[in-house]
Amino acid sequence: MKRFGGKGGDVLDITFGKPRKAVAKELKNDIAVRVDPKSGEIVGILILNFMKRFSLRKRAEKIELPVKIKISTS
């Protein structure tokens, strides 16, 4: 998981597995999934304006994503 801030932007980038080439598909409100163009597998999630979005709110924001995650240690 990486967060980019400052002049370069305000982005939270969550990557599943090793980084690889992907195409970003925006879902809504500055949230996108990164998809492997060959397999169609979701390989990451991007949240734009992350700090701005969450630091200005007085309450938690629930974000529903079209992703089911299975974590294994194989």
C-alpha atoms as a PDB file:
ATOM      1  CA  MET A   1       0.000   0.000   0.000  1.00  0.00           C
ATOM      2  CA  LYS A   2       1.367   3.406  -0.941  1.00  0.00           C
ATOM      3  CA  ARG A   3       0.182   6.951  -0.369  1.00  0.00           C
ATOM      4  CA  PHE A   4       1.412   9.791  -2.539  1.00  0.00           C
ATOM      5  CA  GLY A   5       1.030  13.358  -1.333  1.00  0.00           C
ATOM      6  CA  GLY A   6       2.428  16.836  -1.791  1.00  0.00           C
ATOM      7  CA  LYS A   7       2.898  18.321  -5.254  1.00  0.00           C
ATOM      8  CA  GLY A   8       2.726  14.854  -6.802  1.00  0.00           C
ATOM      9  CA  GLY A   9      -0.845  14.344  -5.696  1.00  0.00           C
ATOM     10  CA  ASP A  10      -2.977  12.911  -2.961  1.00  0.00           C
ATOM     11  CA  VAL A  11      -3.481   9.244  -3.815  1.00  0.00           C
ATOM     12  CA  LEU A  12      -3.836   6.016  -1.854  1.00  0.00           C
ATOM     13  CA  ASP A  13      -2.713   3.109  -4.072  1.00  0.00           C
ATOM     14  CA  ILE A  14      -3.519  -0.381  -2.788  1.00  0.00           C
ATOM     15  CA  THR A  15      -1.914  -3.150  -4.854  1.00  0.00           C
ATOM     16  CA  PHE A  16      -2.799  -6.835  -4.599  1.00  0.00           C
ATOM     17  CA  GLY A  17       0.250  -9.034  -5.176  1.00  0.00           C
ATOM     18  CA  LYS A  18       3.292  -7.867  -7.092  1.00  0.00           C
ATOM     19  CA  PRO A  19       2.932  -4.642  -9.090  1.00  0.00           C
ATOM     20  CA  ARG A  20       2.093  -5.233 -12.777  1.00  0.00           C
ATOM     21  CA  LYS A  21       0.702  -3.411 -15.778  1.00  0.00           C
ATOM     22  CA  ALA A  22      -2.930  -2.472 -15.344  1.00  0.00           C
ATOM     23  CA  VAL A  23      -5.646  -0.210 -16.665  1.00  0.00           C
ATOM     24  CA  ALA A  24      -7.517   2.046 -14.241  1.00  0.00           C
ATOM     25  CA  LYS A  25     -11.318   2.051 -14.452  1.00  0.00           C
ATOM     26  CA  GLU A  26     -13.038   4.805 -12.494  1.00  0.00           C
ATOM     27  CA  LEU A  27     -15.967   3.632 -10.377  1.00  0.00           C
ATOM     28  CA  LYS A  28     -17.201   6.889  -8.834  1.00  0.00           C
ATOM     29  CA  ASN A  29     -16.097   9.891  -6.777  1.00  0.00           C
ATOM     30  CA  ASP A  30     -12.343   9.625  -7.430  1.00  0.00           C
ATOM     31  CA  ILE A  31     -12.205   5.879  -6.762  1.00  0.00           C
ATOM     32  CA  ALA A  32     -10.859   3.490  -9.396  1.00  0.00           C
ATOM     33  CA  VAL A  33      -9.917  -0.155  -9.664  1.00  0.00           C
ATOM     34  CA  ARG A  34      -6.781  -1.227 -11.487  1.00  0.00           C
ATOM     35  CA  VAL A  35      -7.454  -4.175 -13.795  1.00  0.00           C
ATOM     36  CA  ASP A  36      -5.027  -6.514 -15.574  1.00  0.00           C
ATOM     37  CA  PRO A  37      -5.894  -5.919 -19.269  1.00  0.00           C
ATOM     38  CA  LYS A  38      -5.235  -9.547 -20.240  1.00  0.00           C
ATOM     39  CA  SER A  39      -6.988 -11.450 -17.447  1.00  0.00           C
ATOM     40  CA  GLY A  40      -9.535  -8.872 -16.267  1.00  0.00           C
ATOM     41  CA  GLU A  41      -8.340  -9.519 -12.695  1.00  0.00           C
ATOM     42  CA  ILE A  42      -8.522  -6.602 -10.257  1.00  0.00           C
ATOM     43  CA  VAL A  43      -4.943  -5.921  -9.178  1.00  0.00           C
ATOM     44  CA  GLY A  44      -5.416  -2.747  -7.154  1.00  0.00           C
ATOM     45  CA  ILE A  45      -7.534   0.130  -5.952  1.00  0.00           C
ATOM     46  CA  LEU A  46      -6.809   3.860  -6.279  1.00  0.00           C
ATOM     47  CA  ILE A  47      -8.423   6.504  -4.092  1.00  0.00           C
ATOM     48  CA  LEU A  48      -7.734  10.006  -5.390  1.00  0.00           C
ATOM     49  CA  ASN A  49      -7.814  12.991  -3.018  1.00  0.00           C
ATOM     50  CA  PHE A  50      -7.409  10.547  -0.133  1.00  0.00           C
ATOM     51  CA  MET A  51      -6.201  12.907   2.600  1.00  0.00           C
ATOM     52  CA  LYS A  52      -8.526  15.691   1.512  1.00  0.00           C
ATOM     53  CA  ARG A  53     -11.462  13.283   1.477  1.00  0.00           C
ATOM     54  CA  PHE A  54     -10.845  11.786   4.915  1.00  0.00           C
ATOM     55  CA  SER A  55      -9.135  14.546   6.883  1.00  0.00           C
ATOM     56  CA  LEU A  56     -11.956  17.055   6.383  1.00  0.00           C
ATOM     57  CA  ARG A  57     -14.691  14.737   7.616  1.00  0.00           C
ATOM     58  CA  LYS A  58     -15.758  14.544  11.235  1.00  0.00           C
ATOM     59  CA  ARG A  59     -17.075  11.010  10.772  1.00  0.00           C
ATOM     60  CA  ALA A  60     -15.945   7.880   8.982  1.00  0.00           C
ATOM     61  CA  GLU A  61     -16.898   7.377   5.354  1.00  0.00           C
ATOM     62  CA  LYS A  62     -17.927   3.939   4.142  1.00  0.00           C
ATOM     63  CA  ILE A  63     -16.713   3.061   0.660  1.00  0.00           C
ATOM     64  CA  GLU A  64     -18.164  -0.034  -0.980  1.00  0.00           C
ATOM     65  CA  LEU A  65     -15.965  -1.627  -3.624  1.00  0.00           C
ATOM     66  CA  PRO A  66     -16.890  -4.350  -6.112  1.00  0.00           C
ATOM     67  CA  VAL A  67     -14.106  -6.571  -4.827  1.00  0.00           C
ATOM     68  CA  LYS A  68     -14.012  -9.776  -2.851  1.00  0.00           C
ATOM     69  CA  ILE A  69     -10.599 -10.425  -1.332  1.00  0.00           C
ATOM     70  CA  LYS A  70      -9.218 -13.794  -0.324  1.00  0.00           C
ATOM     71  CA  ILE A  71      -5.931 -13.636   1.550  1.00  0.00           C
ATOM     72  CA  SER A  72      -3.710 -16.687   1.795  1.00  0.00           C
ATOM     73  CA  THR A  73      -0.158 -17.324   2.914  1.00  0.00           C
ATOM     74  CA  SER A  74       0.829 -19.875   0.291  1.00  0.00           C
END
